[in-house]
Amino acid sequence: MKGFCKFMSVLSLVLCAAVFGLVWHTSTRFPDSVQLTDVGRVETDQVSLQMDLPRSVETAGEIGSEQAYSGKWALWGIVPVKSVNVTTNGKPMVRVCGSPFGIKLYTDGVLVVGLTAVDAKVGSVNPAVQAGIEIGDRILSIDGEVVTENEQVSRLVSSSAGRSLVVEVERGGVSFTAHVTPVKSLSDGVYHAGMWVRDSAAGVGMLTFYDPISGVCAGLGHAICDRDTGIQLPVAGGELVPAAIFDVVPGKAGEAGVLCGTFTGGTLGVLAGNTQQGIYGLLTTQPADVGLYEIAAPYEVQTGRAQMLCTVENQPTWYEVEITKVSVADTDKQSMTVRVTDKALLEKTGGILQGMSGSALVQNGKLIGAVTHVLVNDPTSGYALFAQTMYEQAQQYADTSASTLLTSVAGVTVSVSPDAA
């Protein structure tokens, strides 16, 4: 018994020495002060910092504009190590726009948007289907030639003279090889593969904001998808251009209305990303804006009154709306539900229209989000995305060179209709 007690005493001393040594060693590696760039991700007074070991800084008070805190380092948030001074340099500020802009998007490869049988001598056949090609596939190359335009695919297929073509196809991120043997159509005497392909898309939406420091802009709040397949279009390049609204088709229950826009010439910048959280680009021309606004954290967004900024006629205008639901857990898509309450806007549009995507939402003087979708059965309401989500997505393109992206779109013409091949 005495031996066991002696062993436990020695073990306790060793463990205490080990813990003390670990705390002392680690404290020498911990800085005495920490500066945090807060974008609203902290919802409590516990600030987590990723270092070599799991540890945290405990602070008192709310993280907001530039402030100083006293805190302490703690291993795994439990074992106190040393005191630390914590400062925050405030939340990011962006310039809010609410103006229409045009998007010209060029796909990476060409997208298969339709499959049609060819009336040949042997009967009605579809070479693309026989080769295993499906709607939504991307054609990357044909016989070793990289394809980026509809015309290329049509030329290579029609000039095949019925010879089997080696086609590189991408589906769901996986590439494979298909062997397509075009057949001659009895109707036009041209060889066809039985597929419709698209190499570009174009549209008009609302520019939400731009970062005056990086020059990155954000709009729409959702991805541009192929109108026939609903598939998100992969980006090889694209342009952002000025646009104007020329007509309004009001919405009604069961039928979404439309803001009709047109490109007005000139350029705003280059397309950098087409994501589920919106369209992002690098500005080459500074667009008009309504001022500098702080990005609100999701936990700052409340149900109740807010303002929506969008262009329905000649210039960006503020309209009254109500935030009816907030989902802090859903930061990627349906973060909020918004309902139009402004009588003038309801009279003119019936509520939210297609083409209003990207309309800025402001509450308590802060940018809280952007409208993304209309509820077809209730056009007075729609979904919105948190501004913080869009801002964080935008920062991924902050170090990209606009001049580099411009080389991918020089001399390219948008042709949004699919071509037969």
Protein backbone atom coordinates (compact mmCIF):
# COMPACT_ATOMS: atom_id res chain seq x y z
CA MET A 1 0.00 0.00 0.00
CA LYS A 2 2.85 2.36 0.91
CA GLY A 3 4.52 1.49 -2.38
CA PHE A 4 1.37 2.33 -4.33
CA CYS A 5 0.96 5.66 -2.54
CA LYS A 6 4.60 6.49 -3.22
CA PHE A 7 4.10 5.60 -6.91
CA MET A 8 1.02 7.81 -7.17
CA SER A 9 2.83 10.68 -5.49
CA VAL A 10 5.73 10.43 -7.91
CA LEU A 11 3.30 10.14 -10.84
CA SER A 12 1.40 13.22 -9.66
CA LEU A 13 4.64 15.19 -9.40
CA VAL A 14 5.65 14.10 -12.90
CA LEU A 15 2.25 15.04 -14.35
CA CYS A 16 2.27 18.42 -12.61
CA ALA A 17 5.76 19.08 -13.88
CA ALA A 18 4.69 18.08 -17.39
CA VAL A 19 1.65 20.35 -17.31
CA PHE A 20 3.69 23.21 -15.88
CA GLY A 21 6.36 22.67 -18.50
CA LEU A 22 3.79 22.58 -21.29
CA VAL A 23 2.12 25.76 -20.05
CA TRP A 24 5.48 27.54 -19.69
CA HIS A 25 6.73 26.37 -23.08
CA THR A 26 3.50 27.26 -24.82
CA SER A 27 3.21 30.66 -23.14
CA THR A 28 6.54 31.66 -24.66
CA ARG A 29 5.10 30.97 -28.11
CA PHE A 30 1.84 32.85 -27.53
CA PRO A 31 1.83 36.52 -28.55
CA ASP A 32 1.06 39.14 -25.90
CA SER A 33 -1.39 40.89 -28.22
CA VAL A 34 -3.76 39.78 -30.97
CA GLN A 35 -5.54 41.80 -33.63
CA LEU A 36 -8.72 40.36 -35.16
CA THR A 37 -10.29 41.39 -38.43
CA ASP A 38 -13.91 40.78 -37.53
CA VAL A 39 -16.48 40.13 -40.24
CA GLY A 40 -19.27 39.27 -37.85
CA ARG A 41 -18.54 35.60 -37.39
CA VAL A 42 -18.26 35.92 -33.61
CA GLU A 43 -21.64 35.62 -31.92
CA THR A 44 -20.56 35.26 -28.29
CA ASP A 45 -17.72 36.44 -26.09
CA GLN A 46 -15.67 33.34 -26.88
CA VAL A 47 -13.24 34.01 -29.75
CA SER A 48 -11.66 30.89 -31.26
CA LEU A 49 -8.20 31.19 -32.81
CA GLN A 50 -6.55 28.44 -34.83
CA MET A 51 -2.92 27.94 -33.82
CA ASP A 52 -0.61 24.92 -33.53
CA LEU A 53 -2.68 23.56 -30.64
CA PRO A 54 -6.42 23.95 -29.92
CA ARG A 55 -6.65 27.13 -27.84
CA SER A 56 -8.86 30.17 -27.42
CA VAL A 57 -9.01 33.74 -26.25
CA GLU A 58 -11.76 34.68 -23.83
CA THR A 59 -12.96 38.27 -24.11
CA ALA A 60 -15.56 40.43 -22.50
CA GLY A 61 -17.97 42.48 -24.58
CA GLU A 62 -19.23 42.37 -28.14
CA ILE A 63 -16.90 42.25 -31.12
CA GLY A 64 -17.88 45.19 -33.29
CA SER A 65 -16.19 48.39 -34.36
CA GLU A 66 -12.61 49.02 -33.33
CA GLN A 67 -12.26 48.10 -29.68
CA ALA A 68 -9.70 46.70 -27.23
CA TYR A 69 -10.22 43.77 -24.88
CA SER A 70 -8.32 42.02 -22.13
CA GLY A 71 -8.37 38.27 -22.33
CA LYS A 72 -6.35 35.17 -21.76
CA TRP A 73 -4.87 32.35 -23.74
CA ALA A 74 -6.18 28.92 -22.77
CA LEU A 75 -5.11 25.52 -24.00
CA TRP A 76 -8.14 23.77 -25.48
CA GLY A 77 -10.20 26.59 -23.97
CA ILE A 78 -9.66 25.12 -20.49
CA VAL A 79 -6.11 25.47 -19.13
CA PRO A 80 -5.22 29.20 -18.68
CA VAL A 81 -1.77 30.11 -20.02
CA LYS A 82 -1.26 33.88 -20.10
CA SER A 83 -3.04 37.19 -20.44
CA VAL A 84 -3.42 38.77 -23.87
CA ASN A 85 -4.55 42.11 -25.27
CA VAL A 86 -7.15 41.66 -28.03
CA THR A 87 -8.05 44.42 -30.48
CA THR A 88 -10.45 44.42 -33.43
CA ASN A 89 -10.15 46.67 -36.43
CA GLY A 90 -13.85 46.74 -37.23
CA LYS A 91 -16.07 45.19 -39.87
CA PRO A 92 -15.54 45.60 -43.63
CA MET A 93 -17.16 48.42 -45.54
CA VAL A 94 -18.43 48.18 -49.12
CA ARG A 95 -20.02 50.55 -51.61
CA VAL A 96 -23.65 49.60 -52.25
CA CYS A 97 -24.88 49.90 -55.85
CA GLY A 98 -28.41 48.60 -56.60
CA SER A 99 -27.94 49.30 -60.30
CA PRO A 100 -28.57 46.93 -63.23
CA PHE A 101 -25.61 45.27 -64.88
CA GLY A 102 -25.19 42.79 -67.70
CA ILE A 103 -23.29 39.51 -67.61
CA LYS A 104 -21.70 37.85 -70.63
CA LEU A 105 -20.50 34.40 -69.61
CA TYR A 106 -18.36 32.07 -71.71
CA THR A 107 -18.40 28.43 -70.66
CA ASP A 108 -15.41 26.21 -70.02
CA GLY A 109 -15.90 23.82 -72.92
CA VAL A 110 -19.36 23.62 -74.49
CA LEU A 111 -22.42 22.36 -72.66
CA VAL A 112 -24.73 19.70 -74.09
CA VAL A 113 -28.23 21.13 -73.65
CA GLY A 114 -30.23 18.86 -75.90
CA LEU A 115 -30.19 15.53 -77.72
CA THR A 116 -32.09 15.01 -80.98
CA ALA A 117 -32.25 11.96 -83.23
CA VAL A 118 -30.91 12.30 -86.77
CA ASP A 119 -33.03 11.05 -89.71
CA ALA A 120 -30.44 8.96 -91.56
CA LYS A 121 -30.46 6.20 -94.18
CA VAL A 122 -30.45 3.57 -91.48
CA GLY A 123 -33.37 5.23 -89.76
CA SER A 124 -33.70 7.59 -86.79
CA VAL A 125 -30.47 7.41 -84.77
CA ASN A 126 -28.61 9.50 -82.20
CA PRO A 127 -24.82 9.03 -82.32
CA ALA A 128 -24.24 11.09 -79.15
CA VAL A 129 -26.65 8.96 -77.11
CA GLN A 130 -25.12 5.78 -78.51
CA ALA A 131 -21.71 7.02 -77.36
CA GLY A 132 -23.01 7.58 -73.81
CA ILE A 133 -23.27 11.38 -73.89
CA GLU A 134 -26.01 12.94 -71.74
CA ILE A 135 -27.63 16.36 -71.35
CA GLY A 136 -25.52 18.44 -68.97
CA ASP A 137 -22.21 16.95 -70.12
CA ARG A 138 -19.38 19.26 -71.11
CA ILE A 139 -17.51 18.66 -74.36
CA LEU A 140 -13.87 19.56 -73.71
CA SER A 141 -12.15 18.40 -76.90
CA ILE A 142 -12.78 16.54 -80.16
CA ASP A 143 -9.97 14.56 -81.76
CA GLY A 144 -7.50 16.39 -79.53
CA GLU A 145 -8.73 19.89 -80.45
CA VAL A 146 -9.87 21.87 -77.40
CA VAL A 147 -13.35 23.22 -78.05
CA THR A 148 -14.66 26.48 -76.58
CA GLU A 149 -17.34 27.50 -79.08
CA ASN A 150 -20.44 25.99 -80.67
CA GLU A 151 -19.02 26.63 -84.12
CA GLN A 152 -16.00 24.42 -83.45
CA VAL A 153 -18.18 21.47 -82.53
CA SER A 154 -20.38 21.93 -85.60
CA ARG A 155 -17.32 22.20 -87.89
CA LEU A 156 -15.58 19.12 -86.52
CA VAL A 157 -18.75 17.01 -86.64
CA SER A 158 -19.86 18.11 -90.12
CA SER A 159 -16.38 17.58 -91.61
CA SER A 160 -16.00 14.09 -90.14
CA ALA A 161 -17.44 12.36 -93.24
CA GLY A 162 -18.83 9.71 -90.91
CA ARG A 163 -15.48 8.95 -89.25
CA SER A 164 -15.56 8.11 -85.54
CA LEU A 165 -14.54 11.08 -83.38
CA VAL A 166 -12.70 10.84 -80.05
CA VAL A 167 -14.61 13.18 -77.73
CA GLU A 168 -13.37 14.17 -74.28
CA VAL A 169 -16.37 14.64 -72.00
CA GLU A 170 -16.69 15.91 -68.43
CA ARG A 171 -19.60 14.93 -66.20
CA GLY A 172 -19.84 15.80 -62.52
CA GLY A 173 -16.15 16.64 -62.31
CA VAL A 174 -15.05 13.35 -63.91
CA SER A 175 -13.63 13.20 -67.45
CA PHE A 176 -14.06 10.28 -69.83
CA THR A 177 -13.65 9.51 -73.52
CA ALA A 178 -16.58 8.86 -75.84
CA HIS A 179 -16.41 7.67 -79.46
CA VAL A 180 -19.04 9.45 -81.52
CA THR A 181 -19.72 8.44 -85.14
CA PRO A 182 -21.72 11.20 -86.90
CA VAL A 183 -24.34 10.20 -89.49
CA LYS A 184 -25.50 12.06 -92.60
CA SER A 185 -28.93 13.64 -92.32
CA LEU A 186 -31.36 12.94 -95.15
CA SER A 187 -32.90 16.41 -94.72
CA ASP A 188 -29.79 18.58 -95.24
CA GLY A 189 -27.07 16.15 -96.35
CA VAL A 190 -24.81 17.22 -93.43
CA TYR A 191 -23.21 14.95 -90.84
CA HIS A 192 -24.66 15.35 -87.33
CA ALA A 193 -23.95 13.91 -83.88
CA GLY A 194 -27.49 14.48 -82.58
CA MET A 195 -26.74 17.03 -79.88
CA TRP A 196 -27.35 20.73 -79.19
CA VAL A 197 -24.51 22.62 -77.52
CA ARG A 198 -24.14 26.03 -75.88
CA ASP A 199 -20.95 28.00 -75.27
CA SER A 200 -22.22 31.16 -73.58
CA ALA A 201 -24.99 32.86 -71.68
CA ALA A 202 -26.10 36.42 -71.04
CA GLY A 203 -28.41 38.15 -68.61
CA VAL A 204 -29.19 41.22 -66.52
CA GLY A 205 -29.34 41.51 -62.73
CA MET A 206 -28.57 43.93 -59.92
CA LEU A 207 -25.05 44.82 -58.83
CA THR A 208 -25.11 44.53 -55.03
CA PHE A 209 -21.81 46.08 -53.93
CA TYR A 210 -18.14 46.48 -54.63
CA ASP A 211 -15.12 46.52 -52.36
CA PRO A 212 -13.35 49.89 -52.79
CA ILE A 213 -10.07 48.34 -51.62
CA SER A 214 -9.81 45.24 -53.81
CA GLY A 215 -12.08 46.31 -56.69
CA VAL A 216 -14.07 43.08 -56.44
CA CYS A 217 -17.81 43.42 -57.09
CA ALA A 218 -20.72 41.11 -56.30
CA GLY A 219 -24.20 40.69 -57.73
CA LEU A 220 -27.21 38.38 -58.22
CA GLY A 221 -26.68 36.33 -55.06
CA HIS A 222 -27.12 33.11 -57.04
CA ALA A 223 -25.43 31.31 -59.91
CA ILE A 224 -26.14 31.72 -63.62
CA CYS A 225 -27.51 28.39 -64.82
CA ASP A 226 -28.31 27.06 -68.26
CA ARG A 227 -31.94 27.88 -68.96
CA ASP A 228 -32.63 24.52 -70.59
CA THR A 229 -30.90 22.16 -68.17
CA GLY A 230 -30.74 24.22 -64.95
CA ILE A 231 -27.06 23.31 -64.62
CA GLN A 232 -24.65 25.89 -63.19
CA LEU A 233 -22.48 27.11 -66.06
CA PRO A 234 -18.73 26.56 -65.71
CA VAL A 235 -16.80 29.77 -66.35
CA ALA A 236 -13.95 30.14 -68.82
CA GLY A 237 -14.31 33.90 -68.98
CA GLY A 238 -16.81 36.69 -69.19
CA GLU A 239 -17.58 40.38 -69.03
CA LEU A 240 -19.60 42.68 -66.81
CA VAL A 241 -21.23 45.53 -68.70
CA PRO A 242 -23.57 48.47 -67.97
CA ALA A 243 -27.27 47.78 -68.47
CA ALA A 244 -30.59 49.62 -68.35
CA ILE A 245 -34.18 48.58 -67.55
CA PHE A 246 -36.58 49.26 -70.43
CA ASP A 247 -39.75 47.41 -69.38
CA VAL A 248 -41.50 45.78 -66.42
CA VAL A 249 -43.71 42.70 -66.63
CA PRO A 250 -45.52 42.56 -63.24
CA GLY A 251 -45.66 39.29 -61.34
CA LYS A 252 -48.76 37.52 -60.14
CA ALA A 253 -49.50 34.40 -58.12
CA GLY A 254 -48.20 31.38 -60.03
CA GLU A 255 -46.27 33.44 -62.56
CA ALA A 256 -43.08 35.36 -61.86
CA GLY A 257 -42.74 38.81 -63.40
CA VAL A 258 -39.66 40.10 -65.21
CA LEU A 259 -37.51 43.20 -65.26
CA CYS A 260 -36.51 43.54 -68.91
CA GLY A 261 -33.02 44.92 -69.36
CA THR A 262 -30.59 45.60 -72.16
CA PHE A 263 -26.84 46.15 -72.44
CA THR A 264 -25.99 49.80 -72.98
CA GLY A 265 -22.42 49.51 -74.24
CA GLY A 266 -19.07 49.90 -72.57
CA THR A 267 -17.66 47.72 -69.82
CA LEU A 268 -17.63 47.53 -66.03
CA GLY A 269 -15.16 44.71 -65.56
CA VAL A 270 -14.41 41.04 -66.06
CA LEU A 271 -16.19 38.00 -64.68
CA ALA A 272 -14.16 36.16 -62.04
CA GLY A 273 -16.63 33.62 -60.65
CA ASN A 274 -20.07 32.12 -61.15
CA THR A 275 -21.01 30.59 -57.79
CA GLN A 276 -24.06 29.47 -55.83
CA GLN A 277 -23.59 32.68 -53.82
CA GLY A 278 -23.60 35.01 -56.82
CA ILE A 279 -21.62 36.54 -59.66
CA TYR A 280 -18.23 38.07 -58.81
CA GLY A 281 -16.03 40.24 -60.95
CA LEU A 282 -13.08 42.59 -61.03
CA LEU A 283 -13.91 46.17 -61.92
CA THR A 284 -12.11 48.06 -64.65
CA THR A 285 -14.58 50.96 -64.42
CA GLN A 286 -15.96 52.28 -61.14
CA PRO A 287 -19.78 51.99 -61.11
CA ALA A 288 -22.15 54.46 -59.45
CA ASP A 289 -23.03 53.74 -55.83
CA VAL A 290 -25.17 55.16 -53.03
CA GLY A 291 -22.51 55.20 -50.36
CA LEU A 292 -20.32 53.21 -48.01
CA TYR A 293 -22.07 50.64 -45.79
CA GLU A 294 -20.86 48.27 -43.11
CA ILE A 295 -21.42 44.55 -43.65
CA ALA A 296 -23.77 43.21 -40.97
CA ALA A 297 -23.15 39.91 -39.24
CA PRO A 298 -25.89 37.26 -39.65
CA TYR A 299 -26.73 37.47 -35.95
CA GLU A 300 -27.35 41.22 -36.34
CA VAL A 301 -30.12 40.67 -38.89
CA GLN A 302 -33.57 40.83 -37.33
CA THR A 303 -37.11 40.25 -38.49
CA GLY A 304 -38.88 43.52 -39.13
CA ARG A 305 -38.49 46.59 -41.30
CA ALA A 306 -35.69 46.96 -43.83
CA GLN A 307 -35.02 48.75 -47.11
CA MET A 308 -34.35 47.26 -50.55
CA LEU A 309 -32.30 49.11 -53.15
CA CYS A 310 -32.91 48.29 -56.80
CA THR A 311 -33.51 49.92 -60.16
CA VAL A 312 -36.97 49.52 -61.66
CA GLU A 313 -36.96 52.63 -63.83
CA ASN A 314 -34.18 55.17 -64.27
CA GLN A 315 -32.04 54.98 -61.14
CA PRO A 316 -31.51 53.01 -57.91
CA THR A 317 -34.38 53.64 -55.49
CA TRP A 318 -35.02 52.62 -51.89
CA TYR A 319 -38.18 50.61 -51.20
CA GLU A 320 -39.70 49.44 -47.91
CA VAL A 321 -39.62 45.70 -47.20
CA GLU A 322 -40.03 43.42 -44.20
CA ILE A 323 -37.67 40.64 -43.18
CA THR A 324 -40.09 37.88 -42.19
CA LYS A 325 -37.62 35.10 -41.40
CA VAL A 326 -33.91 34.82 -40.59
CA SER A 327 -31.96 31.56 -40.65
CA VAL A 328 -28.47 32.07 -39.20
CA ALA A 329 -27.72 28.39 -39.84
CA ASP A 330 -28.34 28.77 -43.59
CA THR A 331 -25.61 31.14 -44.72
CA ASP A 332 -25.26 29.78 -48.28
CA LYS A 333 -28.72 30.06 -49.84
CA GLN A 334 -32.04 30.88 -48.18
CA SER A 335 -30.66 32.99 -45.33
CA MET A 336 -33.70 35.27 -45.12
CA THR A 337 -37.23 35.62 -46.36
CA VAL A 338 -38.20 39.13 -47.42
CA ARG A 339 -41.61 40.62 -48.23
CA VAL A 340 -42.20 43.81 -50.20
CA THR A 341 -44.42 46.27 -48.31
CA ASP A 342 -43.77 49.40 -50.39
CA LYS A 343 -47.05 50.41 -52.04
CA ALA A 344 -45.41 52.13 -55.01
CA LEU A 345 -43.28 49.07 -55.83
CA LEU A 346 -46.21 46.66 -55.36
CA GLU A 347 -48.33 48.75 -57.70
CA LYS A 348 -45.68 48.81 -60.39
CA THR A 349 -44.20 45.29 -60.15
CA GLY A 350 -46.44 43.17 -57.93
CA GLY A 351 -43.42 42.53 -55.72
CA ILE A 352 -40.12 40.81 -56.54
CA LEU A 353 -39.34 40.11 -60.18
CA GLN A 354 -36.84 38.08 -62.13
CA GLY A 355 -34.04 40.56 -62.79
CA MET A 356 -34.14 41.94 -59.23
CA SER A 357 -31.64 39.34 -58.03
CA GLY A 358 -28.83 41.14 -56.25
CA SER A 359 -31.00 43.98 -54.95
CA ALA A 360 -29.32 45.22 -51.76
CA LEU A 361 -31.03 44.93 -48.38
CA VAL A 362 -30.18 47.42 -45.63
CA GLN A 363 -31.32 47.36 -42.01
CA ASN A 364 -30.28 49.69 -39.20
CA GLY A 365 -27.80 51.40 -41.51
CA LYS A 366 -25.96 48.17 -42.40
CA LEU A 367 -25.92 46.01 -45.52
CA ILE A 368 -27.55 42.75 -44.45
CA GLY A 369 -27.97 40.90 -47.73
CA ALA A 370 -29.24 40.66 -51.29
CA VAL A 371 -32.49 39.37 -52.81
CA THR A 372 -31.95 36.12 -54.73
CA HIS A 373 -35.28 34.50 -55.65
CA VAL A 374 -38.97 35.26 -55.86
CA LEU A 375 -41.64 32.95 -54.44
CA VAL A 376 -43.67 32.18 -57.55
CA ASN A 377 -46.87 31.50 -55.63
CA ASP A 378 -46.45 34.76 -53.70
CA PRO A 379 -44.50 37.30 -55.78
CA THR A 380 -44.58 39.83 -52.94
CA SER A 381 -42.01 37.64 -51.16
CA GLY A 382 -38.67 36.04 -51.91
CA TYR A 383 -35.43 34.71 -50.50
CA ALA A 384 -32.26 36.61 -49.72
CA LEU A 385 -28.62 35.80 -48.96
CA PHE A 386 -26.50 37.27 -46.14
CA ALA A 387 -24.19 40.08 -47.23
CA GLN A 388 -21.42 38.57 -45.14
CA THR A 389 -21.57 35.36 -47.20
CA MET A 390 -21.24 37.35 -50.42
CA TYR A 391 -18.41 39.46 -48.99
CA GLU A 392 -16.44 36.40 -47.92
CA GLN A 393 -16.95 34.85 -51.35
CA ALA A 394 -15.79 38.08 -53.00
CA GLN A 395 -12.53 38.08 -51.06
CA GLN A 396 -11.51 34.85 -52.81
CA TYR A 397 -11.01 36.90 -55.96
CA ALA A 398 -9.32 39.88 -54.31
CA ASP A 399 -5.82 38.93 -55.48
CA THR A 400 -6.83 38.03 -59.04
CA SER A 401 -5.53 40.23 -61.86
CA ALA A 402 -8.18 41.83 -64.05
CA SER A 403 -5.71 42.08 -66.94
CA THR A 404 -5.14 38.31 -66.77
CA LEU A 405 -8.88 37.60 -66.93
CA LEU A 406 -9.33 40.03 -69.81
CA THR A 407 -7.13 37.92 -72.08
CA SER A 408 -9.68 35.11 -71.92
CA VAL A 409 -12.53 37.24 -73.28
CA ALA A 410 -10.81 39.40 -75.88
CA GLY A 411 -12.50 39.11 -79.26
CA VAL A 412 -15.19 36.66 -78.06
CA THR A 413 -18.79 37.25 -79.06
CA VAL A 414 -21.70 36.00 -76.99
CA SER A 415 -24.13 33.72 -78.81
CA VAL A 416 -26.61 32.50 -76.22
CA SER A 417 -28.61 30.19 -78.47
CA PRO A 418 -27.48 26.57 -78.75
CA ASP A 419 -26.20 25.20 -82.04
CA ALA A 420 -26.94 21.78 -83.52
CA ALA A 421 -24.05 19.36 -84.01
